[in-house]
Amino acid sequence: MVKCPFCGFESDESGFRILREPWRFRFYTVKRFECPKCHGVFQFYSGVSVKGKRSEFTIRIKPRVFERKSS
């Protein structure tokens, strides 16, 4: 189960939009997701260490700030 760090929406990986192909970082497989509820972008790390310990965590990606056009 993957949980959105912005709004708390929880689903399996198919419930989120994948923004980039998965890549490897050390022993982690990293996937970049977009939440269907709040459209927040985050990275989900999952993997098994050399010692056999399973690890999963998310990292928030700073949302882009859109400037309003002044009239």
C-alpha atoms as a PDB file:
ATOM      1  CA  MET A   1       0.000   0.000   0.000  1.00  0.00           C
ATOM      2  CA  VAL A   2       1.190   3.472  -0.919  1.00  0.00           C
ATOM      3  CA  LYS A   3       0.055   6.521   1.061  1.00  0.00           C
ATOM      4  CA  CYS A   4       0.074  10.098  -0.248  1.00  0.00           C
ATOM      5  CA  PRO A   5       2.194  12.286   2.080  1.00  0.00           C
ATOM      6  CA  PHE A   6       0.108  15.368   1.197  1.00  0.00           C
ATOM      7  CA  CYS A   7      -3.510  14.297   1.765  1.00  0.00           C
ATOM      8  CA  GLY A   8      -3.233  10.792   3.273  1.00  0.00           C
ATOM      9  CA  PHE A   9      -4.975   8.973   0.394  1.00  0.00           C
ATOM     10  CA  GLU A  10      -4.001   5.292   0.546  1.00  0.00           C
ATOM     11  CA  SER A  11      -4.168   2.763  -2.284  1.00  0.00           C
ATOM     12  CA  ASP A  12      -2.080   0.174  -4.056  1.00  0.00           C
ATOM     13  CA  GLU A  13       0.332   1.367  -6.751  1.00  0.00           C
ATOM     14  CA  SER A  14      -2.297   1.115  -9.498  1.00  0.00           C
ATOM     15  CA  GLY A  15      -4.387   3.793  -7.735  1.00  0.00           C
ATOM     16  CA  PHE A  16      -1.731   6.447  -8.425  1.00  0.00           C
ATOM     17  CA  ARG A  17      -0.565   7.915 -11.713  1.00  0.00           C
ATOM     18  CA  ILE A  18       3.039   6.994 -12.563  1.00  0.00           C
ATOM     19  CA  LEU A  19       4.911  10.086 -13.788  1.00  0.00           C
ATOM     20  CA  ARG A  20       8.204   8.408 -14.662  1.00  0.00           C
ATOM     21  CA  GLU A  21       9.581   4.945 -15.330  1.00  0.00           C
ATOM     22  CA  PRO A  22      10.912   3.264 -12.145  1.00  0.00           C
ATOM     23  CA  TRP A  23      14.666   3.520 -11.514  1.00  0.00           C
ATOM     24  CA  ARG A  24      17.158   2.017  -9.071  1.00  0.00           C
ATOM     25  CA  PHE A  25      18.826   3.872  -6.199  1.00  0.00           C
ATOM     26  CA  ARG A  26      21.180   1.572  -4.289  1.00  0.00           C
ATOM     27  CA  PHE A  27      18.908  -1.340  -3.301  1.00  0.00           C
ATOM     28  CA  TYR A  28      15.686   0.678  -3.666  1.00  0.00           C
ATOM     29  CA  THR A  29      13.306   0.763  -6.601  1.00  0.00           C
ATOM     30  CA  VAL A  30      12.059   4.349  -6.915  1.00  0.00           C
ATOM     31  CA  LYS A  31       8.732   5.315  -8.478  1.00  0.00           C
ATOM     32  CA  ARG A  32       7.391   8.837  -8.974  1.00  0.00           C
ATOM     33  CA  PHE A  33       3.633   9.088  -8.431  1.00  0.00           C
ATOM     34  CA  GLU A  34       0.910  11.722  -8.644  1.00  0.00           C
ATOM     35  CA  CYS A  35      -2.003  11.500  -6.213  1.00  0.00           C
ATOM     36  CA  PRO A  36      -5.441  11.339  -7.917  1.00  0.00           C
ATOM     37  CA  LYS A  37      -7.075  13.271  -5.066  1.00  0.00           C
ATOM     38  CA  CYS A  38      -4.761  16.260  -4.407  1.00  0.00           C
ATOM     39  CA  HIS A  39      -2.406  15.975  -7.440  1.00  0.00           C
ATOM     40  CA  GLY A  40       0.614  16.055  -5.144  1.00  0.00           C
ATOM     41  CA  VAL A  41       3.808  14.563  -6.592  1.00  0.00           C
ATOM     42  CA  PHE A  42       5.953  12.232  -4.488  1.00  0.00           C
ATOM     43  CA  GLN A  43       8.528   9.477  -4.801  1.00  0.00           C
ATOM     44  CA  PHE A  44       7.983   6.012  -3.337  1.00  0.00           C
ATOM     45  CA  TYR A  45      11.077   4.001  -2.362  1.00  0.00           C
ATOM     46  CA  SER A  46      10.843   0.256  -1.736  1.00  0.00           C
ATOM     47  CA  GLY A  47      13.454  -2.449  -1.467  1.00  0.00           C
ATOM     48  CA  VAL A  48      15.171  -5.162   0.520  1.00  0.00           C
ATOM     49  CA  SER A  49      18.588  -4.413   2.038  1.00  0.00           C
ATOM     50  CA  VAL A  50      21.609  -6.704   1.848  1.00  0.00           C
ATOM     51  CA  LYS A  51      20.782  -7.969   5.339  1.00  0.00           C
ATOM     52  CA  GLY A  52      17.229  -8.877   4.234  1.00  0.00           C
ATOM     53  CA  LYS A  53      15.404  -5.988   5.907  1.00  0.00           C
ATOM     54  CA  ARG A  54      12.435  -4.655   3.914  1.00  0.00           C
ATOM     55  CA  SER A  55      12.187  -0.870   3.719  1.00  0.00           C
ATOM     56  CA  GLU A  56       9.542   1.459   2.219  1.00  0.00           C
ATOM     57  CA  PHE A  57       9.155   5.223   2.488  1.00  0.00           C
ATOM     58  CA  THR A  58       7.960   8.278   0.554  1.00  0.00           C
ATOM     59  CA  ILE A  59       9.568  11.634  -0.157  1.00  0.00           C
ATOM     60  CA  ARG A  60       7.490  14.676  -0.986  1.00  0.00           C
ATOM     61  CA  ILE A  61       8.426  16.616  -4.108  1.00  0.00           C
ATOM     62  CA  LYS A  62       8.032  20.336  -3.614  1.00  0.00           C
ATOM     63  CA  PRO A  63       4.909  21.479  -5.474  1.00  0.00           C
ATOM     64  CA  ARG A  64       5.382  24.106  -8.125  1.00  0.00           C
ATOM     65  CA  VAL A  65       4.217  27.583  -7.198  1.00  0.00           C
ATOM     66  CA  PHE A  66       2.125  29.235  -9.877  1.00  0.00           C
ATOM     67  CA  GLU A  67       2.103  33.017  -9.918  1.00  0.00           C
ATOM     68  CA  ARG A  68      -1.231  34.675 -10.528  1.00  0.00           C
ATOM     69  CA  LYS A  69      -1.507  37.034 -13.429  1.00  0.00           C
ATOM     70  CA  SER A  70      -2.343  40.514 -12.221  1.00  0.00           C
ATOM     71  CA  SER A  71      -5.040  42.358 -14.131  1.00  0.00           C
END
